[in-house]
């Protein structure tokens, strides 16, 4: 199956860059075997959720203290810690450096890797390891990938690469939205919205 521009228009009706997204997705999706109505519906449901309908290509880390405590309690263990980070002038950078320290190939909090390799692209590729592997797959360095991930092509290609690398077509074919959300998100944040998107896109694509 090939995604049509009219189908994509219905999926991201308010996005002003429909032509750019259609050009890149229509070329990339077949290359990564995202090529059935179910696979495309799942891919677009997850990526529109992660990127706010293809409008946010870099992770928004502008959290209030209460949100840090609720969403990331293992990283912001007390109200005092959460309040401190939420009140810093460079809070997005500081929050990322704490939240992503010492995992996904990142260094410690002081290394700055957490913010440097925070979520970018349509599926919010995150962590030095993912950046390095993705960059290697297209013959660039991880630092170059930072900028590339915020282009139309890079945002779409990184999402396709992550999809293929984690064998998410398997979950799509089984209509296991909970399983693929766990792989993408590390938990089930936004599961209801992802499911709602999928149900809508499945109808649009005739799946």
C-alpha atoms as a PDB file:
ATOM      1  CA  UNK A   1       0.000   0.000   0.000  1.00  0.00           C
ATOM      2  CA  UNK A   2       1.158   3.553  -0.753  1.00  0.00           C
ATOM      3  CA  UNK A   3       0.135   6.463   1.434  1.00  0.00           C
ATOM      4  CA  UNK A   4      -1.639   9.175  -0.581  1.00  0.00           C
ATOM      5  CA  UNK A   5      -1.323  12.899  -0.025  1.00  0.00           C
ATOM      6  CA  UNK A   6      -5.053  13.176   0.626  1.00  0.00           C
ATOM      7  CA  UNK A   7      -4.834  10.516   3.345  1.00  0.00           C
ATOM      8  CA  UNK A   8      -1.937  12.353   4.981  1.00  0.00           C
ATOM      9  CA  UNK A   9      -3.888  15.620   4.709  1.00  0.00           C
ATOM     10  CA  UNK A  10      -6.681  14.041   6.764  1.00  0.00           C
ATOM     11  CA  UNK A  11      -4.165  12.753   9.315  1.00  0.00           C
ATOM     12  CA  UNK A  12      -2.327  16.071   9.850  1.00  0.00           C
ATOM     13  CA  UNK A  13      -4.986  18.562   8.639  1.00  0.00           C
ATOM     14  CA  UNK A  14      -3.522  21.633  10.358  1.00  0.00           C
ATOM     15  CA  UNK A  15       0.127  21.056   9.538  1.00  0.00           C
ATOM     16  CA  UNK A  16       1.382  23.749   7.112  1.00  0.00           C
ATOM     17  CA  UNK A  17       4.137  21.534   5.698  1.00  0.00           C
ATOM     18  CA  UNK A  18       2.040  18.741   4.200  1.00  0.00           C
ATOM     19  CA  UNK A  19       3.982  18.670   0.919  1.00  0.00           C
ATOM     20  CA  UNK A  20       7.342  18.292   2.695  1.00  0.00           C
ATOM     21  CA  UNK A  21       6.095  15.516   4.951  1.00  0.00           C
ATOM     22  CA  UNK A  22       4.386  13.692   2.104  1.00  0.00           C
ATOM     23  CA  UNK A  23       7.468  13.823  -0.111  1.00  0.00           C
ATOM     24  CA  UNK A  24       9.695  12.281   2.546  1.00  0.00           C
ATOM     25  CA  UNK A  25       7.232   9.760   3.995  1.00  0.00           C
ATOM     26  CA  UNK A  26       6.121   8.464   0.603  1.00  0.00           C
ATOM     27  CA  UNK A  27       9.769   7.682  -0.188  1.00  0.00           C
ATOM     28  CA  UNK A  28      10.844   6.385   3.223  1.00  0.00           C
ATOM     29  CA  UNK A  29       7.945   4.224   4.405  1.00  0.00           C
ATOM     30  CA  UNK A  30       8.337   1.582   1.642  1.00  0.00           C
ATOM     31  CA  UNK A  31      12.101   1.466   2.216  1.00  0.00           C
ATOM     32  CA  UNK A  32      11.486   0.388   5.834  1.00  0.00           C
ATOM     33  CA  UNK A  33       8.635  -2.025   4.946  1.00  0.00           C
ATOM     34  CA  UNK A  34       6.023   0.171   6.600  1.00  0.00           C
ATOM     35  CA  UNK A  35       3.857  -0.793   3.689  1.00  0.00           C
ATOM     36  CA  UNK A  36       0.451  -2.115   4.790  1.00  0.00           C
ATOM     37  CA  UNK A  37      -2.570  -0.141   6.039  1.00  0.00           C
ATOM     38  CA  UNK A  38      -2.084  -1.499   9.574  1.00  0.00           C
ATOM     39  CA  UNK A  39       1.633  -0.705   9.659  1.00  0.00           C
ATOM     40  CA  UNK A  40       1.168   2.807   8.289  1.00  0.00           C
ATOM     41  CA  UNK A  41      -1.745   3.514  10.650  1.00  0.00           C
ATOM     42  CA  UNK A  42       0.291   2.414  13.668  1.00  0.00           C
ATOM     43  CA  UNK A  43       3.393   4.315  12.545  1.00  0.00           C
ATOM     44  CA  UNK A  44       1.440   7.522  12.038  1.00  0.00           C
ATOM     45  CA  UNK A  45      -0.518   7.095  15.276  1.00  0.00           C
ATOM     46  CA  UNK A  46       2.684   6.807  17.283  1.00  0.00           C
ATOM     47  CA  UNK A  47       4.611   9.508  15.442  1.00  0.00           C
ATOM     48  CA  UNK A  48       1.793  12.082  15.466  1.00  0.00           C
ATOM     49  CA  UNK A  49       1.398  11.528  19.209  1.00  0.00           C
ATOM     50  CA  UNK A  50       5.130  11.863  19.872  1.00  0.00           C
ATOM     51  CA  UNK A  51       5.552  14.991  17.711  1.00  0.00           C
ATOM     52  CA  UNK A  52       2.207  16.751  18.265  1.00  0.00           C
ATOM     53  CA  UNK A  53       1.079  16.145  14.686  1.00  0.00           C
ATOM     54  CA  UNK A  54       4.551  16.665  13.219  1.00  0.00           C
ATOM     55  CA  UNK A  55       4.926  20.144  14.749  1.00  0.00           C
ATOM     56  CA  UNK A  56       7.418  19.472  17.563  1.00  0.00           C
ATOM     57  CA  UNK A  57      10.638  17.852  16.398  1.00  0.00           C
ATOM     58  CA  UNK A  58      12.484  18.357  19.664  1.00  0.00           C
ATOM     59  CA  UNK A  59      11.356  17.138  23.069  1.00  0.00           C
ATOM     60  CA  UNK A  60       9.602  19.738  25.211  1.00  0.00           C
ATOM     61  CA  UNK A  61      11.087  19.529  28.710  1.00  0.00           C
ATOM     62  CA  UNK A  62       9.337  22.556  30.151  1.00  0.00           C
ATOM     63  CA  UNK A  63       7.889  20.696  33.137  1.00  0.00           C
ATOM     64  CA  UNK A  64       6.514  22.102  36.369  1.00  0.00           C
ATOM     65  CA  UNK A  65       7.658  20.542  39.629  1.00  0.00           C
ATOM     66  CA  UNK A  66       4.386  18.670  40.146  1.00  0.00           C
ATOM     67  CA  UNK A  67       4.678  17.099  36.696  1.00  0.00           C
ATOM     68  CA  UNK A  68       8.262  16.003  37.339  1.00  0.00           C
ATOM     69  CA  UNK A  69       7.176  14.275  40.543  1.00  0.00           C
ATOM     70  CA  UNK A  70       4.218  12.617  38.867  1.00  0.00           C
ATOM     71  CA  UNK A  71       5.804  11.551  35.574  1.00  0.00           C
ATOM     72  CA  UNK A  72       9.426  10.901  36.599  1.00  0.00           C
ATOM     73  CA  UNK A  73       9.423  10.009  40.314  1.00  0.00           C
ATOM     74  CA  UNK A  74      12.554   7.861  40.061  1.00  0.00           C
ATOM     75  CA  UNK A  75      14.570  10.853  38.822  1.00  0.00           C
ATOM     76  CA  UNK A  76      12.940  13.591  40.886  1.00  0.00           C
ATOM     77  CA  UNK A  77      12.528  11.716  44.138  1.00  0.00           C
ATOM     78  CA  UNK A  78      11.345  14.537  46.398  1.00  0.00           C
ATOM     79  CA  UNK A  79       9.375  17.763  46.128  1.00  0.00           C
ATOM     80  CA  UNK A  80      12.546  19.647  47.045  1.00  0.00           C
ATOM     81  CA  UNK A  81      14.497  18.182  44.115  1.00  0.00           C
ATOM     82  CA  UNK A  82      11.631  18.718  41.673  1.00  0.00           C
ATOM     83  CA  UNK A  83      11.136  22.310  42.789  1.00  0.00           C
ATOM     84  CA  UNK A  84      14.846  23.014  42.420  1.00  0.00           C
ATOM     85  CA  UNK A  85      15.049  21.772  38.840  1.00  0.00           C
ATOM     86  CA  UNK A  86      11.754  23.358  37.795  1.00  0.00           C
ATOM     87  CA  UNK A  87      12.939  26.773  39.036  1.00  0.00           C
ATOM     88  CA  UNK A  88      16.305  26.859  37.262  1.00  0.00           C
ATOM     89  CA  UNK A  89      16.729  29.408  34.433  1.00  0.00           C
ATOM     90  CA  UNK A  90      18.027  26.632  32.150  1.00  0.00           C
ATOM     91  CA  UNK A  91      15.520  24.144  33.470  1.00  0.00           C
ATOM     92  CA  UNK A  92      14.925  22.211  30.238  1.00  0.00           C
ATOM     93  CA  UNK A  93      18.626  21.479  29.903  1.00  0.00           C
ATOM     94  CA  UNK A  94      18.988  20.653  33.598  1.00  0.00           C
ATOM     95  CA  UNK A  95      15.944  18.394  33.630  1.00  0.00           C
ATOM     96  CA  UNK A  96      17.157  16.455  30.589  1.00  0.00           C
ATOM     97  CA  UNK A  97      20.646  16.045  32.009  1.00  0.00           C
ATOM     98  CA  UNK A  98      19.266  14.580  35.235  1.00  0.00           C
ATOM     99  CA  UNK A  99      16.499  12.503  33.672  1.00  0.00           C
ATOM    100  CA  UNK A 100      18.662  10.868  31.007  1.00  0.00           C
ATOM    101  CA  UNK A 101      21.960  10.571  32.911  1.00  0.00           C
ATOM    102  CA  UNK A 102      23.809   7.247  32.936  1.00  0.00           C
ATOM    103  CA  UNK A 103      21.458   5.464  30.563  1.00  0.00           C
ATOM    104  CA  UNK A 104      20.910   4.979  26.818  1.00  0.00           C
ATOM    105  CA  UNK A 105      24.654   5.427  26.356  1.00  0.00           C
ATOM    106  CA  UNK A 106      24.699   8.847  28.024  1.00  0.00           C
ATOM    107  CA  UNK A 107      27.301  10.008  30.506  1.00  0.00           C
ATOM    108  CA  UNK A 108      26.526  11.342  33.955  1.00  0.00           C
ATOM    109  CA  UNK A 109      24.492  14.453  34.672  1.00  0.00           C
ATOM    110  CA  UNK A 110      27.492  16.750  34.389  1.00  0.00           C
ATOM    111  CA  UNK A 111      28.352  15.432  30.908  1.00  0.00           C
ATOM    112  CA  UNK A 112      25.426  17.263  29.330  1.00  0.00           C
ATOM    113  CA  UNK A 113      24.568  14.216  27.226  1.00  0.00           C
ATOM    114  CA  UNK A 114      20.986  14.147  28.481  1.00  0.00           C
ATOM    115  CA  UNK A 115      20.115  17.442  26.813  1.00  0.00           C
ATOM    116  CA  UNK A 116      22.450  16.978  23.860  1.00  0.00           C
ATOM    117  CA  UNK A 117      20.795  13.688  22.979  1.00  0.00           C
ATOM    118  CA  UNK A 118      17.243  14.435  24.120  1.00  0.00           C
ATOM    119  CA  UNK A 119      14.250  13.393  22.054  1.00  0.00           C
ATOM    120  CA  UNK A 120      14.288  14.572  18.432  1.00  0.00           C
ATOM    121  CA  UNK A 121      12.448  13.568  15.277  1.00  0.00           C
ATOM    122  CA  UNK A 122       8.950  12.175  14.732  1.00  0.00           C
ATOM    123  CA  UNK A 123       9.391   9.402  17.311  1.00  0.00           C
ATOM    124  CA  UNK A 124      11.653  11.483  19.559  1.00  0.00           C
ATOM    125  CA  UNK A 125      14.856   9.464  19.161  1.00  0.00           C
ATOM    126  CA  UNK A 126      16.633   9.695  22.516  1.00  0.00           C
ATOM    127  CA  UNK A 127      20.067   8.864  23.955  1.00  0.00           C
ATOM    128  CA  UNK A 128      23.647   8.802  22.698  1.00  0.00           C
ATOM    129  CA  UNK A 129      23.387   5.130  21.724  1.00  0.00           C
ATOM    130  CA  UNK A 130      20.355   5.638  19.487  1.00  0.00           C
ATOM    131  CA  UNK A 131      21.858   8.778  17.939  1.00  0.00           C
ATOM    132  CA  UNK A 132      25.124   6.948  17.256  1.00  0.00           C
ATOM    133  CA  UNK A 133      23.478   3.892  15.693  1.00  0.00           C
ATOM    134  CA  UNK A 134      21.101   5.976  13.600  1.00  0.00           C
ATOM    135  CA  UNK A 135      23.904   8.267  12.451  1.00  0.00           C
ATOM    136  CA  UNK A 136      26.053   5.261  11.481  1.00  0.00           C
ATOM    137  CA  UNK A 137      23.189   3.823   9.415  1.00  0.00           C
ATOM    138  CA  UNK A 138      23.239   6.893   7.147  1.00  0.00           C
ATOM    139  CA  UNK A 139      26.965   7.618   7.279  1.00  0.00           C
ATOM    140  CA  UNK A 140      27.130  10.682   9.541  1.00  0.00           C
ATOM    141  CA  UNK A 141      28.330  11.376  13.101  1.00  0.00           C
ATOM    142  CA  UNK A 142      26.059  11.592  16.157  1.00  0.00           C
ATOM    143  CA  UNK A 143      26.688  15.333  16.504  1.00  0.00           C
ATOM    144  CA  UNK A 144      25.576  15.868  12.891  1.00  0.00           C
ATOM    145  CA  UNK A 145      22.499  13.813  13.656  1.00  0.00           C
ATOM    146  CA  UNK A 146      21.354  16.416  16.206  1.00  0.00           C
ATOM    147  CA  UNK A 147      20.719  18.913  13.422  1.00  0.00           C
ATOM    148  CA  UNK A 148      19.553  16.371  10.841  1.00  0.00           C
ATOM    149  CA  UNK A 149      16.876  15.022  13.194  1.00  0.00           C
ATOM    150  CA  UNK A 150      15.182  18.424  13.125  1.00  0.00           C
ATOM    151  CA  UNK A 151      14.803  18.471   9.333  1.00  0.00           C
ATOM    152  CA  UNK A 152      11.777  16.997   7.570  1.00  0.00           C
ATOM    153  CA  UNK A 153      13.788  14.145   6.094  1.00  0.00           C
ATOM    154  CA  UNK A 154      15.809  13.458   9.221  1.00  0.00           C
ATOM    155  CA  UNK A 155      12.783  13.521  11.513  1.00  0.00           C
ATOM    156  CA  UNK A 156      10.948  11.038   9.300  1.00  0.00           C
ATOM    157  CA  UNK A 157      13.954   8.818   8.585  1.00  0.00           C
ATOM    158  CA  UNK A 158      14.940   8.523  12.241  1.00  0.00           C
ATOM    159  CA  UNK A 159      11.411   7.394  13.097  1.00  0.00           C
ATOM    160  CA  UNK A 160      11.492   4.798  10.317  1.00  0.00           C
ATOM    161  CA  UNK A 161      14.927   3.618  11.455  1.00  0.00           C
ATOM    162  CA  UNK A 162      13.745   3.250  15.059  1.00  0.00           C
ATOM    163  CA  UNK A 163      10.666   1.372  13.834  1.00  0.00           C
ATOM    164  CA  UNK A 164      12.719  -1.104  11.824  1.00  0.00           C
ATOM    165  CA  UNK A 165      15.477  -1.491  14.439  1.00  0.00           C
ATOM    166  CA  UNK A 166      12.929  -2.402  17.113  1.00  0.00           C
ATOM    167  CA  UNK A 167      10.860  -4.627  14.810  1.00  0.00           C
ATOM    168  CA  UNK A 168       7.715  -2.605  15.452  1.00  0.00           C
ATOM    169  CA  UNK A 169       6.061  -4.037  12.339  1.00  0.00           C
ATOM    170  CA  UNK A 170       5.621  -7.190  14.412  1.00  0.00           C
ATOM    171  CA  UNK A 171       3.501  -5.278  16.911  1.00  0.00           C
ATOM    172  CA  UNK A 172       1.637  -3.469  14.134  1.00  0.00           C
ATOM    173  CA  UNK A 173       0.724  -6.709  12.366  1.00  0.00           C
ATOM    174  CA  UNK A 174      -0.627  -8.058  15.659  1.00  0.00           C
ATOM    175  CA  UNK A 175      -2.370  -4.723  16.423  1.00  0.00           C
ATOM    176  CA  UNK A 176      -0.508  -4.687  19.734  1.00  0.00           C
ATOM    177  CA  UNK A 177      -0.506  -0.957  20.406  1.00  0.00           C
ATOM    178  CA  UNK A 178       0.328  -1.449  24.072  1.00  0.00           C
ATOM    179  CA  UNK A 179       3.434  -3.487  23.263  1.00  0.00           C
ATOM    180  CA  UNK A 180       4.777  -0.999  20.732  1.00  0.00           C
ATOM    181  CA  UNK A 181       4.056   1.927  23.059  1.00  0.00           C
ATOM    182  CA  UNK A 182       6.178   0.242  25.734  1.00  0.00           C
ATOM    183  CA  UNK A 183       9.071  -0.009  23.267  1.00  0.00           C
ATOM    184  CA  UNK A 184       8.734   3.596  22.086  1.00  0.00           C
ATOM    185  CA  UNK A 185       7.927   5.302  25.365  1.00  0.00           C
ATOM    186  CA  UNK A 186       9.496   2.983  27.925  1.00  0.00           C
ATOM    187  CA  UNK A 187       6.055   2.882  29.550  1.00  0.00           C
ATOM    188  CA  UNK A 188       2.491   3.609  28.563  1.00  0.00           C
ATOM    189  CA  UNK A 189       2.374   7.404  28.670  1.00  0.00           C
ATOM    190  CA  UNK A 190      -0.299   8.678  26.280  1.00  0.00           C
ATOM    191  CA  UNK A 191      -1.631   5.212  25.474  1.00  0.00           C
ATOM    192  CA  UNK A 192      -5.240   6.402  25.207  1.00  0.00           C
ATOM    193  CA  UNK A 193      -4.309   9.155  22.737  1.00  0.00           C
ATOM    194  CA  UNK A 194      -2.191   6.753  20.684  1.00  0.00           C
ATOM    195  CA  UNK A 195      -5.105   4.320  20.545  1.00  0.00           C
ATOM    196  CA  UNK A 196      -7.517   7.084  19.518  1.00  0.00           C
ATOM    197  CA  UNK A 197      -5.166   8.197  16.737  1.00  0.00           C
ATOM    198  CA  UNK A 198      -4.801   4.626  15.547  1.00  0.00           C
ATOM    199  CA  UNK A 199      -8.544   4.052  15.389  1.00  0.00           C
ATOM    200  CA  UNK A 200      -8.984   7.237  13.362  1.00  0.00           C
ATOM    201  CA  UNK A 201      -6.084   6.599  10.982  1.00  0.00           C
ATOM    202  CA  UNK A 202      -7.119   2.999  10.453  1.00  0.00           C
ATOM    203  CA  UNK A 203     -10.437   4.245   9.059  1.00  0.00           C
ATOM    204  CA  UNK A 204      -8.738   6.845   6.862  1.00  0.00           C
ATOM    205  CA  UNK A 205      -6.388   4.222   5.416  1.00  0.00           C
ATOM    206  CA  UNK A 206      -9.108   1.631   4.933  1.00  0.00           C
ATOM    207  CA  UNK A 207      -7.426  -0.933   7.146  1.00  0.00           C
END
